[in-house]
Each structure stands twice: as C-alpha cells, then as structure tokens.
PDB file of all heavy atoms in Angstrom:
ATOM      1  N   ALA A   1     -70.014  32.951-111.627  1.00  0.00           N
ATOM      2  CA  ALA A   1     -70.453  32.043-112.691  1.00  0.00           C
ATOM      3  C   ALA A   1     -71.386  30.977-112.144  1.00  0.00           C
ATOM      4  O   ALA A   1     -72.459  30.705-112.700  1.00  0.00           O
ATOM      5  CB  ALA A   1     -69.237  31.412-113.354  1.00  0.00           C
ATOM      6  N   LEU A   2     -70.997  30.354-111.049  1.00  0.00           N
ATOM      7  CA  LEU A   2     -71.804  29.294-110.463  1.00  0.00           C
ATOM      8  C   LEU A   2     -73.133  29.828-109.934  1.00  0.00           C
ATOM      9  O   LEU A   2     -74.180  29.169-110.063  1.00  0.00           O
ATOM     10  CB  LEU A   2     -71.027  28.614-109.336  1.00  0.00           C
ATOM     11  CG  LEU A   2     -69.833  27.760-109.781  1.00  0.00           C
ATOM     12  CD1 LEU A   2     -68.931  27.444-108.606  1.00  0.00           C
ATOM     13  CD2 LEU A   2     -70.323  26.475-110.453  1.00  0.00           C
ATOM     14  N   LYS A   3     -73.103  31.000-109.331  1.00  0.00           N
ATOM     15  CA  LYS A   3     -74.318  31.595-108.789  1.00  0.00           C
ATOM     16  C   LYS A   3     -75.335  31.901-109.881  1.00  0.00           C
ATOM     17  O   LYS A   3     -76.545  31.969-109.627  1.00  0.00           O
ATOM     18  CB  LYS A   3     -73.990  32.877-108.032  1.00  0.00           C
ATOM     19  CG  LYS A   3     -73.148  32.675-106.775  1.00  0.00           C
ATOM     20  CD  LYS A   3     -73.944  32.092-105.636  1.00  0.00           C
ATOM     21  CE  LYS A   3     -73.160  32.084-104.340  1.00  0.00           C
ATOM     22  NZ  LYS A   3     -73.935  31.498-103.215  1.00  0.00           N
ATOM     23  N   ALA A   4     -74.836  32.085-111.123  1.00  0.00           N
ATOM     24  CA  ALA A   4     -75.710  32.489-112.222  1.00  0.00           C
ATOM     25  C   ALA A   4     -76.302  31.316-112.991  1.00  0.00           C
ATOM     26  O   ALA A   4     -77.173  31.528-113.846  1.00  0.00           O
ATOM     27  CB  ALA A   4     -74.932  33.384-113.191  1.00  0.00           C
ATOM     28  N   LEU A   5     -75.861  30.101-112.707  1.00  0.00           N
ATOM     29  CA  LEU A   5     -76.270  28.947-113.511  1.00  0.00           C
ATOM     30  C   LEU A   5     -77.162  28.005-112.715  1.00  0.00           C
ATOM     31  O   LEU A   5     -76.838  27.647-111.575  1.00  0.00           O
ATOM     32  CB  LEU A   5     -75.037  28.202-114.012  1.00  0.00           C
ATOM     33  CG  LEU A   5     -74.143  28.989-114.976  1.00  0.00           C
ATOM     34  CD1 LEU A   5     -72.844  28.236-115.242  1.00  0.00           C
ATOM     35  CD2 LEU A   5     -74.878  29.264-116.293  1.00  0.00           C
ATOM     36  N   PRO A   6     -78.250  27.555-113.311  1.00  0.00           N
ATOM     37  CA  PRO A   6     -79.205  26.720-112.578  1.00  0.00           C
ATOM     38  C   PRO A   6     -78.726  25.295-112.304  1.00  0.00           C
ATOM     39  O   PRO A   6     -79.267  24.634-111.411  1.00  0.00           O
ATOM     40  CB  PRO A   6     -80.434  26.706-113.492  1.00  0.00           C
ATOM     41  CG  PRO A   6     -79.890  26.953-114.870  1.00  0.00           C
ATOM     42  CD  PRO A   6     -78.725  27.878-114.673  1.00  0.00           C
ATOM     43  N   ASP A   7     -77.741  24.812-113.038  1.00  0.00           N
ATOM     44  CA  ASP A   7     -77.288  23.424-112.878  1.00  0.00           C
ATOM     45  C   ASP A   7     -76.411  23.215-111.649  1.00  0.00           C
ATOM     46  O   ASP A   7     -76.149  22.063-111.277  1.00  0.00           O
ATOM     47  CB  ASP A   7     -76.489  22.974-114.108  1.00  0.00           C
ATOM     48  CG  ASP A   7     -77.377  22.700-115.311  1.00  0.00           C
ATOM     49  OD1 ASP A   7     -78.603  22.591-115.116  1.00  0.00           O
ATOM     50  OD2 ASP A   7     -76.848  22.592-116.427  1.00  0.00           O
ATOM     51  N   TYR A   8     -75.931  24.298-111.039  1.00  0.00           N
ATOM     52  CA  TYR A   8     -74.892  24.175-110.023  1.00  0.00           C
ATOM     53  C   TYR A   8     -75.319  24.759-108.686  1.00  0.00           C
ATOM     54  O   TYR A   8     -76.153  25.669-108.608  1.00  0.00           O
ATOM     55  CB  TYR A   8     -73.615  24.872-110.484  1.00  0.00           C
ATOM     56  CG  TYR A   8     -72.981  24.227-111.689  1.00  0.00           C
ATOM     57  CD1 TYR A   8     -73.326  24.633-112.978  1.00  0.00           C
ATOM     58  CD2 TYR A   8     -72.038  23.213-111.541  1.00  0.00           C
ATOM     59  CE1 TYR A   8     -72.752  24.029-114.082  1.00  0.00           C
ATOM     60  CE2 TYR A   8     -71.456  22.616-112.643  1.00  0.00           C
ATOM     61  CZ  TYR A   8     -71.823  23.024-113.908  1.00  0.00           C
ATOM     62  OH  TYR A   8     -71.256  22.418-115.001  1.00  0.00           O
ATOM     63  N   GLU A   9     -74.690  24.246-107.642  1.00  0.00           N
ATOM     64  CA  GLU A   9     -74.857  24.793-106.303  1.00  0.00           C
ATOM     65  C   GLU A   9     -73.501  24.793-105.621  1.00  0.00           C
ATOM     66  O   GLU A   9     -72.857  23.745-105.488  1.00  0.00           O
ATOM     67  CB  GLU A   9     -75.846  23.947-105.498  1.00  0.00           C
ATOM     68  CG  GLU A   9     -76.190  24.545-104.145  1.00  0.00           C
ATOM     69  CD  GLU A   9     -77.312  23.775-103.469  1.00  0.00           C
ATOM     70  OE1 GLU A   9     -77.032  22.694-102.913  1.00  0.00           O
ATOM     71  OE2 GLU A   9     -78.465  24.249-103.528  1.00  0.00           O
ATOM     72  N   LEU A  10     -73.047  25.971-105.194  1.00  0.00           N
ATOM     73  CA  LEU A  10     -71.770  26.099-104.498  1.00  0.00           C
ATOM     74  C   LEU A  10     -71.984  25.706-103.036  1.00  0.00           C
ATOM     75  O   LEU A  10     -72.666  26.407-102.289  1.00  0.00           O
ATOM     76  CB  LEU A  10     -71.246  27.526-104.617  1.00  0.00           C
ATOM     77  CG  LEU A  10     -69.885  27.824-103.986  1.00  0.00           C
ATOM     78  CD1 LEU A  10     -68.816  26.873-104.476  1.00  0.00           C
ATOM     79  CD2 LEU A  10     -69.490  29.273-104.272  1.00  0.00           C
ATOM     80  N   ARG A  11     -71.382  24.586-102.628  1.00  0.00           N
ATOM     81  CA  ARG A  11     -71.677  24.010-101.319  1.00  0.00           C
ATOM     82  C   ARG A  11     -70.533  24.080-100.322  1.00  0.00           C
ATOM     83  O   ARG A  11     -70.751  23.877 -99.130  1.00  0.00           O
ATOM     84  CB  ARG A  11     -72.103  22.549-101.495  1.00  0.00           C
ATOM     85  CG  ARG A  11     -73.418  22.397-102.250  1.00  0.00           C
ATOM     86  CD  ARG A  11     -73.763  20.958-102.534  1.00  0.00           C
ATOM     87  NE  ARG A  11     -75.059  20.863-103.218  1.00  0.00           N
ATOM     88  CZ  ARG A  11     -75.491  19.770-103.821  1.00  0.00           C
ATOM     89  NH1 ARG A  11     -74.750  18.663-103.826  1.00  0.00           N
ATOM     90  NH2 ARG A  11     -76.674  19.768-104.423  1.00  0.00           N
ATOM     91  N   ALA A  12     -69.312  24.344-100.785  1.00  0.00           N
ATOM     92  CA  ALA A  12     -68.187  24.363 -99.847  1.00  0.00           C
ATOM     93  C   ALA A  12     -67.059  25.223-100.386  1.00  0.00           C
ATOM     94  O   ALA A  12     -66.856  25.323-101.602  1.00  0.00           O
ATOM     95  CB  ALA A  12     -67.682  22.949 -99.578  1.00  0.00           C
ATOM     96  N   ILE A  13     -66.328  25.824 -99.458  1.00  0.00           N
ATOM     97  CA  ILE A  13     -65.174  26.662 -99.775  1.00  0.00           C
ATOM     98  C   ILE A  13     -64.031  26.278 -98.851  1.00  0.00           C
ATOM     99  O   ILE A  13     -64.228  26.009 -97.665  1.00  0.00           O
ATOM    100  CB  ILE A  13     -65.520  28.154 -99.617  1.00  0.00           C
ATOM    101  CG1 ILE A  13     -66.276  28.670-100.848  1.00  0.00           C
ATOM    102  CG2 ILE A  13     -64.279  29.005 -99.371  1.00  0.00           C
ATOM    103  CD1 ILE A  13     -66.749  30.098-100.716  1.00  0.00           C
ATOM    104  N   SER A  14     -62.820  26.272 -99.404  1.00  0.00           N
ATOM    105  CA  SER A  14     -61.627  26.021 -98.604  1.00  0.00           C
ATOM    106  C   SER A  14     -60.585  27.082 -98.905  1.00  0.00           C
ATOM    107  O   SER A  14     -60.344  27.415-100.070  1.00  0.00           O
ATOM    108  CB  SER A  14     -61.059  24.628 -98.913  1.00  0.00           C
ATOM    109  OG  SER A  14     -59.796  24.453 -98.309  1.00  0.00           O
ATOM    110  N   THR A  15     -60.002  27.630 -97.836  1.00  0.00           N
ATOM    111  CA  THR A  15     -58.858  28.528 -97.972  1.00  0.00           C
ATOM    112  C   THR A  15     -57.788  28.069 -96.986  1.00  0.00           C
ATOM    113  O   THR A  15     -57.982  27.106 -96.247  1.00  0.00           O
ATOM    114  CB  THR A  15     -59.242  29.999 -97.691  1.00  0.00           C
ATOM    115  OG1 THR A  15     -59.552  30.147 -96.306  1.00  0.00           O
ATOM    116  CG2 THR A  15     -60.437  30.434 -98.534  1.00  0.00           C
ATOM    117  N   SER A  16     -56.674  28.759 -96.964  1.00  0.00           N
ATOM    118  CA  SER A  16     -55.556  28.315 -96.125  1.00  0.00           C
ATOM    119  C   SER A  16     -55.763  28.625 -94.645  1.00  0.00           C
ATOM    120  O   SER A  16     -55.054  28.077 -93.794  1.00  0.00           O
ATOM    121  CB  SER A  16     -54.254  28.964 -96.602  1.00  0.00           C
ATOM    122  OG  SER A  16     -54.353  30.379 -96.551  1.00  0.00           O
ATOM    123  N   ARG A  17     -56.726  29.494 -94.304  1.00  0.00           N
ATOM    124  CA  ARG A  17     -56.968  29.861 -92.901  1.00  0.00           C
ATOM    125  C   ARG A  17     -58.460  29.789 -92.600  1.00  0.00           C
ATOM    126  O   ARG A  17     -59.294  30.166 -93.423  1.00  0.00           O
ATOM    127  CB  ARG A  17     -56.442  31.277 -92.622  1.00  0.00           C
ATOM    128  CG  ARG A  17     -54.926  31.412 -92.717  1.00  0.00           C
ATOM    129  CD  ARG A  17     -54.477  32.825 -92.396  1.00  0.00           C
ATOM    130  NE  ARG A  17     -54.980  33.786 -93.368  1.00  0.00           N
ATOM    131  CZ  ARG A  17     -55.911  34.684 -93.101  1.00  0.00           C
ATOM    132  NH1 ARG A  17     -56.447  34.746 -91.882  1.00  0.00           N
ATOM    133  NH2 ARG A  17     -56.306  35.526 -94.024  1.00  0.00           N
ATOM    134  N   ARG A  18     -58.775  29.335 -91.417  1.00  0.00           N
ATOM    135  CA  ARG A  18     -60.177  29.204 -91.004  1.00  0.00           C
ATOM    136  C   ARG A  18     -60.913  30.540 -91.083  1.00  0.00           C
ATOM    137  O   ARG A  18     -62.052  30.615 -91.557  1.00  0.00           O
ATOM    138  CB  ARG A  18     -60.236  28.654 -89.571  1.00  0.00           C
ATOM    139  CG  ARG A  18     -61.596  28.719 -88.908  1.00  0.00           C
ATOM    140  CD  ARG A  18     -62.647  27.876 -89.594  1.00  0.00           C
ATOM    141  NE  ARG A  18     -62.325  26.463 -89.549  1.00  0.00           N
ATOM    142  CZ  ARG A  18     -63.122  25.500 -90.009  1.00  0.00           C
ATOM    143  NH1 ARG A  18     -64.278  25.830 -90.567  1.00  0.00           N
ATOM    144  NH2 ARG A  18     -62.764  24.239 -89.929  1.00  0.00           N
ATOM    145  N   GLU A  19     -60.248  31.614 -90.654  1.00  0.00           N
ATOM    146  CA  GLU A  19     -60.905  32.915 -90.640  1.00  0.00           C
ATOM    147  C   GLU A  19     -61.294  33.359 -92.046  1.00  0.00           C
ATOM    148  O   GLU A  19     -62.411  33.837 -92.274  1.00  0.00           O
ATOM    149  CB  GLU A  19     -59.992  33.969 -89.992  1.00  0.00           C
ATOM    150  CG  GLU A  19     -59.687  33.725 -88.527  1.00  0.00           C
ATOM    151  CD  GLU A  19     -58.577  32.686 -88.327  1.00  0.00           C
ATOM    152  OE1 GLU A  19     -57.997  32.210 -89.330  1.00  0.00           O
ATOM    153  OE2 GLU A  19     -58.309  32.358 -87.160  1.00  0.00           O
ATOM    154  N   SER A  20     -60.372  33.209 -92.996  1.00  0.00           N
ATOM    155  CA  SER A  20     -60.671  33.652 -94.365  1.00  0.00           C
ATOM    156  C   SER A  20     -61.710  32.749 -95.011  1.00  0.00           C
ATOM    157  O   SER A  20     -62.541  33.211 -95.799  1.00  0.00           O
ATOM    158  CB  SER A  20     -59.396  33.686 -95.211  1.00  0.00           C
ATOM    159  OG  SER A  20     -58.821  32.397 -95.338  1.00  0.00           O
ATOM    160  N   ALA A  21     -61.693  31.451 -94.671  1.00  0.00           N
ATOM    161  CA  ALA A  21     -62.687  30.535 -95.224  1.00  0.00           C
ATOM    162  C   ALA A  21     -64.087  30.890 -94.736  1.00  0.00           C
ATOM    163  O   ALA A  21     -65.048  30.940 -95.516  1.00  0.00           O
ATOM    164  CB  ALA A  21     -62.334  29.099 -94.854  1.00  0.00           C
ATOM    165  N   GLU A  22     -64.210  31.150 -93.451  1.00  0.00           N
ATOM    166  CA  GLU A  22     -65.522  31.497 -92.902  1.00  0.00           C
ATOM    167  C   GLU A  22     -66.003  32.841 -93.421  1.00  0.00           C
ATOM    168  O   GLU A  22     -67.201  33.030 -93.674  1.00  0.00           O
ATOM    169  CB  GLU A  22     -65.446  31.494 -91.375  1.00  0.00           C
ATOM    170  CG  GLU A  22     -65.261  30.088 -90.791  1.00  0.00           C
ATOM    171  CD  GLU A  22     -65.163  30.095 -89.276  1.00  0.00           C
ATOM    172  OE1 GLU A  22     -65.015  31.202 -88.697  1.00  0.00           O
ATOM    173  OE2 GLU A  22     -65.230  29.006 -88.678  1.00  0.00           O
ATOM    174  N   ARG A  23     -65.068  33.777 -93.593  1.00  0.00           N
ATOM    175  CA  ARG A  23     -65.440  35.086 -94.118  1.00  0.00           C
ATOM    176  C   ARG A  23     -65.948  34.959 -95.565  1.00  0.00           C
ATOM    177  O   ARG A  23     -66.957  35.572 -95.942  1.00  0.00           O
ATOM    178  CB  ARG A  23     -64.246  36.036 -94.052  1.00  0.00           C
ATOM    179  CG  ARG A  23     -64.592  37.476 -94.399  1.00  0.00           C
ATOM    180  CD  ARG A  23     -63.521  38.435 -93.925  1.00  0.00           C
ATOM    181  NE  ARG A  23     -62.211  38.129 -94.470  1.00  0.00           N
ATOM    182  CZ  ARG A  23     -61.184  37.659 -93.777  1.00  0.00           C
ATOM    183  NH1 ARG A  23     -61.323  37.414 -92.475  1.00  0.00           N
ATOM    184  NH2 ARG A  23     -60.018  37.423 -94.349  1.00  0.00           N
ATOM    185  N   ALA A  24     -65.244  34.150 -96.366  1.00  0.00           N
ATOM    186  CA  ALA A  24     -65.663  33.944 -97.759  1.00  0.00           C
ATOM    187  C   ALA A  24     -66.997  33.212 -97.826  1.00  0.00           C
ATOM    188  O   ALA A  24     -67.865  33.551 -98.650  1.00  0.00           O
ATOM    189  CB  ALA A  24     -64.591  33.166 -98.511  1.00  0.00           C
ATOM    190  N   ALA A  25     -67.182  32.204 -96.967  1.00  0.00           N
ATOM    191  CA  ALA A  25     -68.435  31.455 -96.967  1.00  0.00           C
ATOM    192  C   ALA A  25     -69.616  32.367 -96.630  1.00  0.00           C
ATOM    193  O   ALA A  25     -70.698  32.262 -97.230  1.00  0.00           O
ATOM    194  CB  ALA A  25     -68.347  30.296 -95.987  1.00  0.00           C
ATOM    195  N   LYS A  26     -69.411  33.265 -95.689  1.00  0.00           N
ATOM    196  CA  LYS A  26     -70.463  34.214 -95.338  1.00  0.00           C
ATOM    197  C   LYS A  26     -70.727  35.187 -96.477  1.00  0.00           C
ATOM    198  O   LYS A  26     -71.883  35.466 -96.825  1.00  0.00           O
ATOM    199  CB  LYS A  26     -70.074  34.977 -94.076  1.00  0.00           C
ATOM    200  CG  LYS A  26     -71.138  35.957 -93.602  1.00  0.00           C
ATOM    201  CD  LYS A  26     -70.708  36.651 -92.307  1.00  0.00           C
ATOM    202  CE  LYS A  26     -71.779  37.630 -91.834  1.00  0.00           C
ATOM    203  NZ  LYS A  26     -71.380  38.310 -90.573  1.00  0.00           N
TER     204      LYS A  26
END
C-alpha cells in the first residue's frame, strides 16, 4: 500500500530479530 502511494515513504522497519529486520529491509 505504501509503495503504491505518492504521499508516503517507507523509511524504517522493526522486527524482533536483527536478521529478520535486515532481510525485510532488503
């Protein structure tokens, strides 16, 4: 949804583990 809308920019992601957070961010 955010990727499709011009008003928004997804700038950060948080998960419970560093590995999953970095994987999702990539």
